[in-house]
Amino acid sequence: MPNLIEEVEGLGKSERRAITSQLIRLLLHLLKWQYQPQRRSESWLDSITDAQTQIKLAIEDSPSLRSYPAEQLEASYQRARRQAAQQTSLEISVFSETCPYSLQLILSEDWLPK
């Protein structure tokens, strides 16, 4: 029984890490999409769509994690913001200090930042 409990807890941690990872990737590409319009590409769009799908699938598989993306949005944004600054060579101050996107927007398939 203790091994089973440990295994279940491990799966939950793994799912949470996967959601956080996808959320960071999604936010990173949304920031790049917004701040580097001249470099927009199909691969960025594919990454955005795939991250949205992966987050939605993880929540469908584990409904108990439904609120987890909202709980992680700001921390994930801070990581994505730092990565965006590094990858775009823009000053970090160019990017909003707090997440400018709502979770509903970033998971919407028909929305991209302008």
PDB file of N, CA and C in Angstrom:
ATOM      1  N   MET A   1       0.812  -1.204   0.000  1.00  0.00           N
ATOM      2  CA  MET A   1       0.000   0.000   0.000  1.00  0.00           C
ATOM      3  C   MET A   1       0.862   1.278   0.000  1.00  0.00           C
ATOM      4  N   PRO A   2       1.905   1.376   0.834  1.00  0.00           N
ATOM      5  CA  PRO A   2       2.743   2.593   0.792  1.00  0.00           C
ATOM      6  C   PRO A   2       3.361   2.826  -0.592  1.00  0.00           C
ATOM      7  N   ASN A   3       3.759   1.740  -1.264  1.00  0.00           N
ATOM      8  CA  ASN A   3       4.337   1.892  -2.608  1.00  0.00           C
ATOM      9  C   ASN A   3       3.305   2.418  -3.600  1.00  0.00           C
ATOM     10  N   LEU A   4       2.081   1.955  -3.476  1.00  0.00           N
ATOM     11  CA  LEU A   4       1.005   2.418  -4.348  1.00  0.00           C
ATOM     12  C   LEU A   4       0.732   3.907  -4.122  1.00  0.00           C
ATOM     13  N   ILE A   5       0.704   4.325  -2.883  1.00  0.00           N
ATOM     14  CA  ILE A   5       0.493   5.743  -2.553  1.00  0.00           C
ATOM     15  C   ILE A   5       1.621   6.585  -3.132  1.00  0.00           C
ATOM     16  N   GLU A   6       2.834   6.122  -2.975  1.00  0.00           N
ATOM     17  CA  GLU A   6       3.998   6.839  -3.505  1.00  0.00           C
ATOM     18  C   GLU A   6       3.916   6.949  -5.032  1.00  0.00           C
ATOM     19  N   GLU A   7       3.497   5.881  -5.683  1.00  0.00           N
ATOM     20  CA  GLU A   7       3.374   5.873  -7.140  1.00  0.00           C
ATOM     21  C   GLU A   7       2.316   6.873  -7.607  1.00  0.00           C
ATOM     22  N   VAL A   8       1.178   6.906  -6.944  1.00  0.00           N
ATOM     23  CA  VAL A   8       0.108   7.834  -7.305  1.00  0.00           C
ATOM     24  C   VAL A   8       0.557   9.276  -7.089  1.00  0.00           C
ATOM     25  N   GLU A   9       1.222   9.540  -5.986  1.00  0.00           N
ATOM     26  CA  GLU A   9       1.729  10.888  -5.723  1.00  0.00           C
ATOM     27  C   GLU A   9       2.756  11.298  -6.776  1.00  0.00           C
ATOM     28  N   GLY A  10       3.587  10.360  -7.190  1.00  0.00           N
ATOM     29  CA  GLY A  10       4.582  10.630  -8.223  1.00  0.00           C
ATOM     30  C   GLY A  10       3.945  10.979  -9.553  1.00  0.00           C
ATOM     31  N   LEU A  11       2.859  10.288  -9.892  1.00  0.00           N
ATOM     32  CA  LEU A  11       2.152  10.590 -11.138  1.00  0.00           C
ATOM     33  C   LEU A  11       1.563  11.996 -11.099  1.00  0.00           C
ATOM     34  N   GLY A  12       1.008  12.373  -9.959  1.00  0.00           N
ATOM     35  CA  GLY A  12       0.456  13.719  -9.816  1.00  0.00           C
ATOM     36  C   GLY A  12       1.519  14.785  -9.989  1.00  0.00           C
ATOM     37  N   LYS A  13       2.687  14.559  -9.406  1.00  0.00           N
ATOM     38  CA  LYS A  13       3.798  15.509  -9.540  1.00  0.00           C
ATOM     39  C   LYS A  13       4.235  15.615 -10.993  1.00  0.00           C
ATOM     40  N   SER A  14       4.291  14.471 -11.656  1.00  0.00           N
ATOM     41  CA  SER A  14       4.695  14.445 -13.055  1.00  0.00           C
ATOM     42  C   SER A  14       3.707  15.226 -13.924  1.00  0.00           C
ATOM     43  N   GLU A  15       2.429  15.049 -13.685  1.00  0.00           N
ATOM     44  CA  GLU A  15       1.410  15.778 -14.436  1.00  0.00           C
ATOM     45  C   GLU A  15       1.510  17.282 -14.175  1.00  0.00           C
ATOM     46  N   ARG A  16       1.737  17.672 -12.935  1.00  0.00           N
ATOM     47  CA  ARG A  16       1.867  19.094 -12.612  1.00  0.00           C
ATOM     48  C   ARG A  16       3.096  19.688 -13.298  1.00  0.00           C
ATOM     49  N   ARG A  17       4.208  18.958 -13.278  1.00  0.00           N
ATOM     50  CA  ARG A  17       5.424  19.446 -13.963  1.00  0.00           C
ATOM     51  C   ARG A  17       5.167  19.608 -15.457  1.00  0.00           C
ATOM     52  N   ALA A  18       4.451  18.656 -16.037  1.00  0.00           N
ATOM     53  CA  ALA A  18       4.159  18.722 -17.474  1.00  0.00           C
ATOM     54  C   ALA A  18       3.297  19.941 -17.796  1.00  0.00           C
ATOM     55  N   ILE A  19       2.298  20.203 -16.976  1.00  0.00           N
ATOM     56  CA  ILE A  19       1.452  21.375 -17.199  1.00  0.00           C
ATOM     57  C   ILE A  19       2.276  22.651 -17.077  1.00  0.00           C
ATOM     58  N   THR A  20       3.111  22.742 -16.062  1.00  0.00           N
ATOM     59  CA  THR A  20       3.941  23.931 -15.871  1.00  0.00           C
ATOM     60  C   THR A  20       4.883  24.123 -17.055  1.00  0.00           C
ATOM     61  N   SER A  21       5.492  23.057 -17.502  1.00  0.00           N
ATOM     62  CA  SER A  21       6.408  23.131 -18.636  1.00  0.00           C
ATOM     63  C   SER A  21       5.693  23.631 -19.893  1.00  0.00           C
ATOM     64  N   GLN A  22       4.516  23.100 -20.152  1.00  0.00           N
ATOM     65  CA  GLN A  22       3.752  23.522 -21.328  1.00  0.00           C
ATOM     66  C   GLN A  22       3.281  24.967 -21.192  1.00  0.00           C
ATOM     67  N   LEU A  23       2.933  25.367 -19.990  1.00  0.00           N
ATOM     68  CA  LEU A  23       2.491  26.736 -19.741  1.00  0.00           C
ATOM     69  C   LEU A  23       3.634  27.720 -19.998  1.00  0.00           C
ATOM     70  N   ILE A  24       4.826  27.378 -19.555  1.00  0.00           N
ATOM     71  CA  ILE A  24       5.999  28.227 -19.810  1.00  0.00           C
ATOM     72  C   ILE A  24       6.254  28.322 -21.311  1.00  0.00           C
ATOM     73  N   ARG A  25       6.213  27.192 -21.995  1.00  0.00           N
ATOM     74  CA  ARG A  25       6.444  27.176 -23.454  1.00  0.00           C
ATOM     75  C   ARG A  25       5.392  28.017 -24.167  1.00  0.00           C
ATOM     76  N   LEU A  26       4.152  27.869 -23.764  1.00  0.00           N
ATOM     77  CA  LEU A  26       3.063  28.637 -24.371  1.00  0.00           C
ATOM     78  C   LEU A  26       3.262  30.139 -24.161  1.00  0.00           C
ATOM     79  N   LEU A  27       3.535  30.523 -22.937  1.00  0.00           N
ATOM     80  CA  LEU A  27       3.743  31.945 -22.637  1.00  0.00           C
ATOM     81  C   LEU A  27       4.959  32.503 -23.361  1.00  0.00           C
ATOM     82  N   LEU A  28       6.027  31.736 -23.423  1.00  0.00           N
ATOM     83  CA  LEU A  28       7.234  32.170 -24.134  1.00  0.00           C
ATOM     84  C   LEU A  28       6.914  32.477 -25.592  1.00  0.00           C
ATOM     85  N   HIS A  29       6.219  31.567 -26.253  1.00  0.00           N
ATOM     86  CA  HIS A  29       5.926  31.782 -27.668  1.00  0.00           C
ATOM     87  C   HIS A  29       4.896  32.883 -27.879  1.00  0.00           C
ATOM     88  N   LEU A  30       3.986  33.082 -26.943  1.00  0.00           N
ATOM     89  CA  LEU A  30       3.062  34.212 -27.050  1.00  0.00           C
ATOM     90  C   LEU A  30       3.807  35.532 -26.917  1.00  0.00           C
ATOM     91  N   LEU A  31       4.763  35.585 -26.009  1.00  0.00           N
ATOM     92  CA  LEU A  31       5.569  36.803 -25.864  1.00  0.00           C
ATOM     93  C   LEU A  31       6.394  37.069 -27.123  1.00  0.00           C
ATOM     94  N   LYS A  32       7.021  36.049 -27.636  1.00  0.00           N
ATOM     95  CA  LYS A  32       7.803  36.219 -28.860  1.00  0.00           C
ATOM     96  C   LYS A  32       6.892  36.634 -30.020  1.00  0.00           C
ATOM     97  N   TRP A  33       5.699  36.051 -30.093  1.00  0.00           N
ATOM     98  CA  TRP A  33       4.739  36.396 -31.137  1.00  0.00           C
ATOM     99  C   TRP A  33       4.368  37.878 -31.047  1.00  0.00           C
ATOM    100  N   GLN A  34       4.154  38.349 -29.827  1.00  0.00           N
ATOM    101  CA  GLN A  34       3.753  39.732 -29.626  1.00  0.00           C
ATOM    102  C   GLN A  34       4.895  40.714 -29.874  1.00  0.00           C
ATOM    103  N   TYR A  35       6.079  40.399 -29.374  1.00  0.00           N
ATOM    104  CA  TYR A  35       7.171  41.367 -29.394  1.00  0.00           C
ATOM    105  C   TYR A  35       8.117  41.230 -30.584  1.00  0.00           C
ATOM    106  N   GLN A  36       7.976  40.185 -31.358  1.00  0.00           N
ATOM    107  CA  GLN A  36       8.797  40.043 -32.562  1.00  0.00           C
ATOM    108  C   GLN A  36       7.911  39.670 -33.755  1.00  0.00           C
ATOM    109  N   PRO A  37       6.991  40.541 -34.120  1.00  0.00           N
ATOM    110  CA  PRO A  37       6.057  40.199 -35.202  1.00  0.00           C
ATOM    111  C   PRO A  37       6.761  39.904 -36.530  1.00  0.00           C
ATOM    112  N   GLN A  38       7.911  40.501 -36.738  1.00  0.00           N
ATOM    113  CA  GLN A  38       8.651  40.273 -37.976  1.00  0.00           C
ATOM    114  C   GLN A  38       9.236  38.864 -38.057  1.00  0.00           C
ATOM    115  N   ARG A  39       9.294  38.158 -36.939  1.00  0.00           N
ATOM    116  CA  ARG A  39       9.882  36.817 -36.917  1.00  0.00           C
ATOM    117  C   ARG A  39       8.835  35.716 -36.752  1.00  0.00           C
ATOM    118  N   ARG A  40       7.569  36.076 -36.779  1.00  0.00           N
ATOM    119  CA  ARG A  40       6.505  35.084 -36.621  1.00  0.00           C
ATOM    120  C   ARG A  40       6.667  33.982 -37.655  1.00  0.00           C
ATOM    121  N   SER A  41       6.393  32.762 -37.184  1.00  0.00           N
ATOM    122  CA  SER A  41       6.574  31.619 -38.082  1.00  0.00           C
ATOM    123  C   SER A  41       5.539  30.551 -37.782  1.00  0.00           C
ATOM    124  N   GLU A  42       5.427  29.639 -38.712  1.00  0.00           N
ATOM    125  CA  GLU A  42       4.534  28.496 -38.522  1.00  0.00           C
ATOM    126  C   GLU A  42       4.991  27.646 -37.344  1.00  0.00           C
ATOM    127  N   SER A  43       6.295  27.574 -37.120  1.00  0.00           N
ATOM    128  CA  SER A  43       6.781  26.752 -36.004  1.00  0.00           C
ATOM    129  C   SER A  43       6.371  27.357 -34.667  1.00  0.00           C
ATOM    130  N   TRP A  44       6.354  28.687 -34.563  1.00  0.00           N
ATOM    131  CA  TRP A  44       5.869  29.319 -33.330  1.00  0.00           C
ATOM    132  C   TRP A  44       4.395  29.021 -33.145  1.00  0.00           C
ATOM    133  N   LEU A  45       3.631  29.132 -34.231  1.00  0.00           N
ATOM    134  CA  LEU A  45       2.197  28.856 -34.169  1.00  0.00           C
ATOM    135  C   LEU A  45       1.950  27.397 -33.795  1.00  0.00           C
ATOM    136  N   ASP A  46       2.740  26.491 -34.361  1.00  0.00           N
ATOM    137  CA  ASP A  46       2.627  25.074 -34.008  1.00  0.00           C
ATOM    138  C   ASP A  46       2.934  24.844 -32.534  1.00  0.00           C
ATOM    139  N   SER A  47       3.946  25.521 -32.017  1.00  0.00           N
ATOM    140  CA  SER A  47       4.316  25.380 -30.615  1.00  0.00           C
ATOM    141  C   SER A  47       3.209  25.897 -29.705  1.00  0.00           C
ATOM    142  N   ILE A  48       2.610  27.019 -30.072  1.00  0.00           N
ATOM    143  CA  ILE A  48       1.504  27.588 -29.297  1.00  0.00           C
ATOM    144  C   ILE A  48       0.337  26.616 -29.266  1.00  0.00           C
ATOM    145  N   THR A  49      -0.037  26.131 -30.428  1.00  0.00           N
ATOM    146  CA  THR A  49      -1.171  25.204 -30.530  1.00  0.00           C
ATOM    147  C   THR A  49      -0.904  23.906 -29.785  1.00  0.00           C
ATOM    148  N   ASP A  50       0.301  23.384 -29.916  1.00  0.00           N
ATOM    149  CA  ASP A  50       0.630  22.126 -29.234  1.00  0.00           C
ATOM    150  C   ASP A  50       0.620  22.298 -27.715  1.00  0.00           C
ATOM    151  N   ALA A  51       1.171  23.389 -27.215  1.00  0.00           N
ATOM    152  CA  ALA A  51       1.175  23.622 -25.771  1.00  0.00           C
ATOM    153  C   ALA A  51      -0.246  23.755 -25.241  1.00  0.00           C
ATOM    154  N   GLN A  52      -1.098  24.473 -25.970  1.00  0.00           N
ATOM    155  CA  GLN A  52      -2.506  24.587 -25.562  1.00  0.00           C
ATOM    156  C   GLN A  52      -3.150  23.198 -25.487  1.00  0.00           C
ATOM    157  N   THR A  53      -2.904  22.407 -26.507  1.00  0.00           N
ATOM    158  CA  THR A  53      -3.483  21.056 -26.564  1.00  0.00           C
ATOM    159  C   THR A  53      -2.978  20.197 -25.422  1.00  0.00           C
ATOM    160  N   GLN A  54      -1.684  20.236 -25.150  1.00  0.00           N
ATOM    161  CA  GLN A  54      -1.104  19.408 -24.092  1.00  0.00           C
ATOM    162  C   GLN A  54      -1.660  19.782 -22.717  1.00  0.00           C
ATOM    163  N   ILE A  55      -1.845  21.069 -22.475  1.00  0.00           N
ATOM    164  CA  ILE A  55      -2.415  21.511 -21.201  1.00  0.00           C
ATOM    165  C   ILE A  55      -3.853  21.014 -21.074  1.00  0.00           C
ATOM    166  N   LYS A  56      -4.629  21.186 -22.128  1.00  0.00           N
ATOM    167  CA  LYS A  56      -6.027  20.748 -22.109  1.00  0.00           C
ATOM    168  C   LYS A  56      -6.133  19.232 -21.924  1.00  0.00           C
ATOM    169  N   LEU A  57      -5.277  18.476 -22.584  1.00  0.00           N
ATOM    170  CA  LEU A  57      -5.297  17.022 -22.449  1.00  0.00           C
ATOM    171  C   LEU A  57      -4.933  16.583 -21.037  1.00  0.00           C
ATOM    172  N   ALA A  58      -3.957  17.235 -20.443  1.00  0.00           N
ATOM    173  CA  ALA A  58      -3.553  16.890 -19.073  1.00  0.00           C
ATOM    174  C   ALA A  58      -4.703  17.132 -18.103  1.00  0.00           C
ATOM    175  N   ILE A  59      -5.426  18.218 -18.314  1.00  0.00           N
ATOM    176  CA  ILE A  59      -6.565  18.521 -17.446  1.00  0.00           C
ATOM    177  C   ILE A  59      -7.696  17.521 -17.671  1.00  0.00           C
ATOM    178  N   GLU A  60      -7.923  17.141 -18.915  1.00  0.00           N
ATOM    179  CA  GLU A  60      -8.955  16.144 -19.209  1.00  0.00           C
ATOM    180  C   GLU A  60      -8.621  14.807 -18.550  1.00  0.00           C
ATOM    181  N   ASP A  61      -7.346  14.437 -18.595  1.00  0.00           N
ATOM    182  CA  ASP A  61      -6.911  13.172 -17.994  1.00  0.00           C
ATOM    183  C   ASP A  61      -6.973  13.203 -16.472  1.00  0.00           C
ATOM    184  N   SER A  62      -6.739  14.373 -15.900  1.00  0.00           N
ATOM    185  CA  SER A  62      -6.728  14.524 -14.440  1.00  0.00           C
ATOM    186  C   SER A  62      -7.544  15.754 -14.057  1.00  0.00           C
ATOM    187  N   PRO A  63      -8.861  15.632 -13.998  1.00  0.00           N
ATOM    188  CA  PRO A  63      -9.705  16.793 -13.688  1.00  0.00           C
ATOM    189  C   PRO A  63      -9.350  17.478 -12.366  1.00  0.00           C
ATOM    190  N   SER A  64      -8.720  16.764 -11.455  1.00  0.00           N
ATOM    191  CA  SER A  64      -8.336  17.383 -10.181  1.00  0.00           C
ATOM    192  C   SER A  64      -7.286  18.481 -10.383  1.00  0.00           C
ATOM    193  N   LEU A  65      -6.669  18.518 -11.563  1.00  0.00           N
ATOM    194  CA  LEU A  65      -5.652  19.531 -11.864  1.00  0.00           C
ATOM    195  C   LEU A  65      -6.238  20.743 -12.594  1.00  0.00           C
ATOM    196  N   ARG A  66      -7.551  20.814 -12.694  1.00  0.00           N
ATOM    197  CA  ARG A  66      -8.208  21.898 -13.443  1.00  0.00           C
ATOM    198  C   ARG A  66      -7.750  23.297 -13.001  1.00  0.00           C
ATOM    199  N   SER A  67      -7.566  23.504 -11.720  1.00  0.00           N
ATOM    200  CA  SER A  67      -7.177  24.835 -11.234  1.00  0.00           C
ATOM    201  C   SER A  67      -5.662  25.053 -11.257  1.00  0.00           C
ATOM    202  N   TYR A  68      -4.902  24.007 -11.520  1.00  0.00           N
ATOM    203  CA  TYR A  68      -3.446  24.104 -11.439  1.00  0.00           C
ATOM    204  C   TYR A  68      -2.842  25.133 -12.413  1.00  0.00           C
ATOM    205  N   PRO A  69      -3.259  25.183 -13.683  1.00  0.00           N
ATOM    206  CA  PRO A  69      -2.670  26.200 -14.572  1.00  0.00           C
ATOM    207  C   PRO A  69      -2.865  27.629 -14.060  1.00  0.00           C
ATOM    208  N   ALA A  70      -4.029  27.925 -13.521  1.00  0.00           N
ATOM    209  CA  ALA A  70      -4.269  29.273 -12.983  1.00  0.00           C
ATOM    210  C   ALA A  70      -3.356  29.550 -11.792  1.00  0.00           C
ATOM    211  N   GLU A  71      -3.133  28.526 -10.969  1.00  0.00           N
ATOM    212  CA  GLU A  71      -2.256  28.686  -9.812  1.00  0.00           C
ATOM    213  C   GLU A  71      -0.813  28.940 -10.231  1.00  0.00           C
ATOM    214  N   GLN A  72      -0.425  28.404 -11.369  1.00  0.00           N
ATOM    215  CA  GLN A  72       0.957  28.503 -11.841  1.00  0.00           C
ATOM    216  C   GLN A  72       1.190  29.602 -12.872  1.00  0.00           C
ATOM    217  N   LEU A  73       0.139  30.301 -13.249  1.00  0.00           N
ATOM    218  CA  LEU A  73       0.249  31.271 -14.344  1.00  0.00           C
ATOM    219  C   LEU A  73       1.323  32.329 -14.093  1.00  0.00           C
ATOM    220  N   GLU A  74       1.300  32.965 -12.942  1.00  0.00           N
ATOM    221  CA  GLU A  74       2.246  34.065 -12.706  1.00  0.00           C
ATOM    222  C   GLU A  74       3.690  33.573 -12.607  1.00  0.00           C
ATOM    223  N   ALA A  75       3.924  32.485 -11.895  1.00  0.00           N
ATOM    224  CA  ALA A  75       5.293  31.948 -11.786  1.00  0.00           C
ATOM    225  C   ALA A  75       5.791  31.482 -13.155  1.00  0.00           C
ATOM    226  N   SER A  76       4.921  30.864 -13.920  1.00  0.00           N
ATOM    227  CA  SER A  76       5.295  30.406 -15.264  1.00  0.00           C
ATOM    228  C   SER A  76       5.583  31.600 -16.166  1.00  0.00           C
ATOM    229  N   TYR A  77       4.796  32.653 -16.023  1.00  0.00           N
ATOM    230  CA  TYR A  77       5.027  33.858 -16.808  1.00  0.00           C
ATOM    231  C   TYR A  77       6.401  34.447 -16.499  1.00  0.00           C
ATOM    232  N   GLN A  78       6.778  34.467 -15.238  1.00  0.00           N
ATOM    233  CA  GLN A  78       8.083  35.031 -14.874  1.00  0.00           C
ATOM    234  C   GLN A  78       9.215  34.244 -15.529  1.00  0.00           C
ATOM    235  N   ARG A  79       9.087  32.938 -15.560  1.00  0.00           N
ATOM    236  CA  ARG A  79      10.113  32.117 -16.238  1.00  0.00           C
ATOM    237  C   ARG A  79      10.104  32.393 -17.745  1.00  0.00           C
ATOM    238  N   ALA A  80       8.909  32.444 -18.330  1.00  0.00           N
ATOM    239  CA  ALA A  80       8.793  32.705 -19.768  1.00  0.00           C
ATOM    240  C   ALA A  80       9.326  34.090 -20.112  1.00  0.00           C
ATOM    241  N   ARG A  81       9.078  35.048 -19.259  1.00  0.00           N
ATOM    242  CA  ARG A  81       9.554  36.424 -19.458  1.00  0.00           C
ATOM    243  C   ARG A  81      11.074  36.461 -19.509  1.00  0.00           C
ATOM    244  N   ARG A  82      11.716  35.770 -18.573  1.00  0.00           N
ATOM    245  CA  ARG A  82      13.190  35.724 -18.571  1.00  0.00           C
ATOM    246  C   ARG A  82      13.711  35.040 -19.834  1.00  0.00           C
ATOM    247  N   GLN A  83      13.091  33.940 -20.214  1.00  0.00           N
ATOM    248  CA  GLN A  83      13.517  33.228 -21.420  1.00  0.00           C
ATOM    249  C   GLN A  83      13.296  34.081 -22.670  1.00  0.00           C
ATOM    250  N   ALA A  84      12.165  34.781 -22.709  1.00  0.00           N
ATOM    251  CA  ALA A  84      11.878  35.639 -23.864  1.00  0.00           C
ATOM    252  C   ALA A  84      12.932  36.735 -23.994  1.00  0.00           C
ATOM    253  N   ALA A  85      13.318  37.320 -22.885  1.00  0.00           N
ATOM    254  CA  ALA A  85      14.355  38.355 -22.921  1.00  0.00           C
ATOM    255  C   ALA A  85      15.663  37.776 -23.465  1.00  0.00           C
ATOM    256  N   GLN A  86      16.030  36.592 -23.013  1.00  0.00           N
ATOM    257  CA  GLN A  86      17.260  35.961 -23.484  1.00  0.00           C
ATOM    258  C   GLN A  86      17.175  35.610 -24.967  1.00  0.00           C
ATOM    259  N   GLN A  87      16.062  35.036 -25.374  1.00  0.00           N
ATOM    260  CA  GLN A  87      15.949  34.549 -26.751  1.00  0.00           C
ATOM    261  C   GLN A  87      15.745  35.658 -27.780  1.00  0.00           C
ATOM    262  N   THR A  88      15.183  36.779 -27.357  1.00  0.00           N
ATOM    263  CA  THR A  88      14.923  37.873 -28.299  1.00  0.00           C
ATOM    264  C   THR A  88      15.983  38.964 -28.242  1.00  0.00           C
ATOM    265  N   SER A  89      16.839  38.925 -27.232  1.00  0.00           N
ATOM    266  CA  SER A  89      17.837  39.969 -26.985  1.00  0.00           C
ATOM    267  C   SER A  89      17.192  41.313 -26.660  1.00  0.00           C
ATOM    268  N   LEU A  90      15.941  41.270 -26.225  1.00  0.00           N
ATOM    269  CA  LEU A  90      15.268  42.479 -25.750  1.00  0.00           C
ATOM    270  C   LEU A  90      15.494  42.590 -24.253  1.00  0.00           C
ATOM    271  N   GLU A  91      15.481  43.805 -23.740  1.00  0.00           N
ATOM    272  CA  GLU A  91      15.604  44.009 -22.304  1.00  0.00           C
ATOM    273  C   GLU A  91      14.387  43.404 -21.606  1.00  0.00           C
ATOM    274  N   ILE A  92      14.598  42.804 -20.453  1.00  0.00           N
ATOM    275  CA  ILE A  92      13.493  42.186 -19.730  1.00  0.00           C
ATOM    276  C   ILE A  92      12.425  43.209 -19.378  1.00  0.00           C
ATOM    277  N   SER A  93      12.827  44.473 -19.216  1.00  0.00           N
ATOM    278  CA  SER A  93      11.871  45.527 -18.864  1.00  0.00           C
ATOM    279  C   SER A  93      10.862  45.804 -19.991  1.00  0.00           C
ATOM    280  N   VAL A  94      11.156  45.338 -21.194  1.00  0.00           N
ATOM    281  CA  VAL A  94      10.221  45.496 -22.313  1.00  0.00           C
ATOM    282  C   VAL A  94       8.945  44.699 -22.051  1.00  0.00           C
ATOM    283  N   PHE A  95       9.110  43.568 -21.376  1.00  0.00           N
ATOM    284  CA  PHE A  95       7.986  42.677 -21.101  1.00  0.00           C
ATOM    285  C   PHE A  95       7.314  43.082 -19.794  1.00  0.00           C
ATOM    286  N   SER A  96       5.998  43.036 -19.786  1.00  0.00           N
ATOM    287  CA  SER A  96       5.233  43.396 -18.595  1.00  0.00           C
ATOM    288  C   SER A  96       5.734  42.623 -17.377  1.00  0.00           C
ATOM    289  N   GLU A  97       5.746  43.285 -16.222  1.00  0.00           N
ATOM    290  CA  GLU A  97       6.196  42.625 -14.988  1.00  0.00           C
ATOM    291  C   GLU A  97       5.213  41.562 -14.509  1.00  0.00           C
ATOM    292  N   THR A  98       3.957  41.717 -14.865  1.00  0.00           N
ATOM    293  CA  THR A  98       2.945  40.715 -14.510  1.00  0.00           C
ATOM    294  C   THR A  98       2.340  40.177 -15.799  1.00  0.00           C
ATOM    295  N   CYS A  99       1.818  38.999 -15.735  1.00  0.00           N
ATOM    296  CA  CYS A  99       1.280  38.350 -16.929  1.00  0.00           C
ATOM    297  C   CYS A  99       0.144  39.186 -17.525  1.00  0.00           C
ATOM    298  N   PRO A 100       0.304  39.611 -18.780  1.00  0.00           N
ATOM    299  CA  PRO A 100      -0.719  40.449 -19.402  1.00  0.00           C
ATOM    300  C   PRO A 100      -1.875  39.659 -20.007  1.00  0.00           C
ATOM    301  N   TYR A 101      -1.787  38.346 -19.948  1.00  0.00           N
ATOM    302  CA  TYR A 101      -2.797  37.495 -20.571  1.00  0.00           C
ATOM    303  C   TYR A 101      -3.555  36.705 -19.505  1.00  0.00           C
ATOM    304  N   SER A 102      -4.836  36.551 -19.708  1.00  0.00           N
ATOM    305  CA  SER A 102      -5.613  35.694 -18.806  1.00  0.00           C
ATOM    306  C   SER A 102      -5.450  34.246 -19.255  1.00  0.00           C
ATOM    307  N   LEU A 103      -5.667  33.332 -18.349  1.00  0.00           N
ATOM    308  CA  LEU A 103      -5.581  31.913 -18.689  1.00  0.00           C
ATOM    309  C   LEU A 103      -6.597  31.567 -19.773  1.00  0.00           C
ATOM    310  N   GLN A 104      -7.775  32.127 -19.672  1.00  0.00           N
ATOM    311  CA  GLN A 104      -8.813  31.868 -20.678  1.00  0.00           C
ATOM    312  C   GLN A 104      -8.331  32.270 -22.066  1.00  0.00           C
ATOM    313  N   LEU A 105      -7.681  33.427 -22.169  1.00  0.00           N
ATOM    314  CA  LEU A 105      -7.168  33.877 -23.465  1.00  0.00           C
ATOM    315  C   LEU A 105      -6.082  32.960 -23.995  1.00  0.00           C
ATOM    316  N   ILE A 106      -5.108  32.648 -23.149  1.00  0.00           N
ATOM    317  CA  ILE A 106      -3.972  31.881 -23.672  1.00  0.00           C
ATOM    318  C   ILE A 106      -4.346  30.458 -24.057  1.00  0.00           C
ATOM    319  N   LEU A 107      -5.429  29.949 -23.495  1.00  0.00           N
ATOM    320  CA  LEU A 107      -5.881  28.606 -23.875  1.00  0.00           C
ATOM    321  C   LEU A 107      -6.901  28.638 -25.007  1.00  0.00           C
ATOM    322  N   SER A 108      -7.249  29.826 -25.450  1.00  0.00           N
ATOM    323  CA  SER A 108      -8.206  29.985 -26.544  1.00  0.00           C
ATOM    324  C   SER A 108      -7.505  29.714 -27.882  1.00  0.00           C
ATOM    325  N   GLU A 109      -8.107  28.866 -28.675  1.00  0.00           N
ATOM    326  CA  GLU A 109      -7.505  28.488 -29.951  1.00  0.00           C
ATOM    327  C   GLU A 109      -7.595  29.584 -31.005  1.00  0.00           C
ATOM    328  N   ASP A 110      -8.440  30.567 -30.794  1.00  0.00           N
ATOM    329  CA  ASP A 110      -8.620  31.606 -31.807  1.00  0.00           C
ATOM    330  C   ASP A 110      -8.093  32.970 -31.361  1.00  0.00           C
ATOM    331  N   TRP A 111      -7.131  32.972 -30.429  1.00  0.00           N
ATOM    332  CA  TRP A 111      -6.559  34.223 -29.953  1.00  0.00           C
ATOM    333  C   TRP A 111      -5.037  34.188 -30.011  1.00  0.00           C
ATOM    334  N   LEU A 112      -4.479  35.288 -30.468  1.00  0.00           N
ATOM    335  CA  LEU A 112      -3.038  35.532 -30.412  1.00  0.00           C
ATOM    336  C   LEU A 112      -2.842  36.985 -30.049  1.00  0.00           C
ATOM    337  N   PRO A 113      -1.806  37.303 -29.287  1.00  0.00           N
ATOM    338  CA  PRO A 113      -1.569  38.717 -28.947  1.00  0.00           C
ATOM    339  C   PRO A 113      -1.201  39.512 -30.179  1.00  0.00           C
ATOM    340  N   LYS A 114      -1.535  40.766 -30.146  1.00  0.00           N
ATOM    341  CA  LYS A 114      -1.215  41.647 -31.278  1.00  0.00           C
ATOM    342  C   LYS A 114       0.140  42.280 -31.076  1.00  0.00           C
TER     343      LYS A 114
END
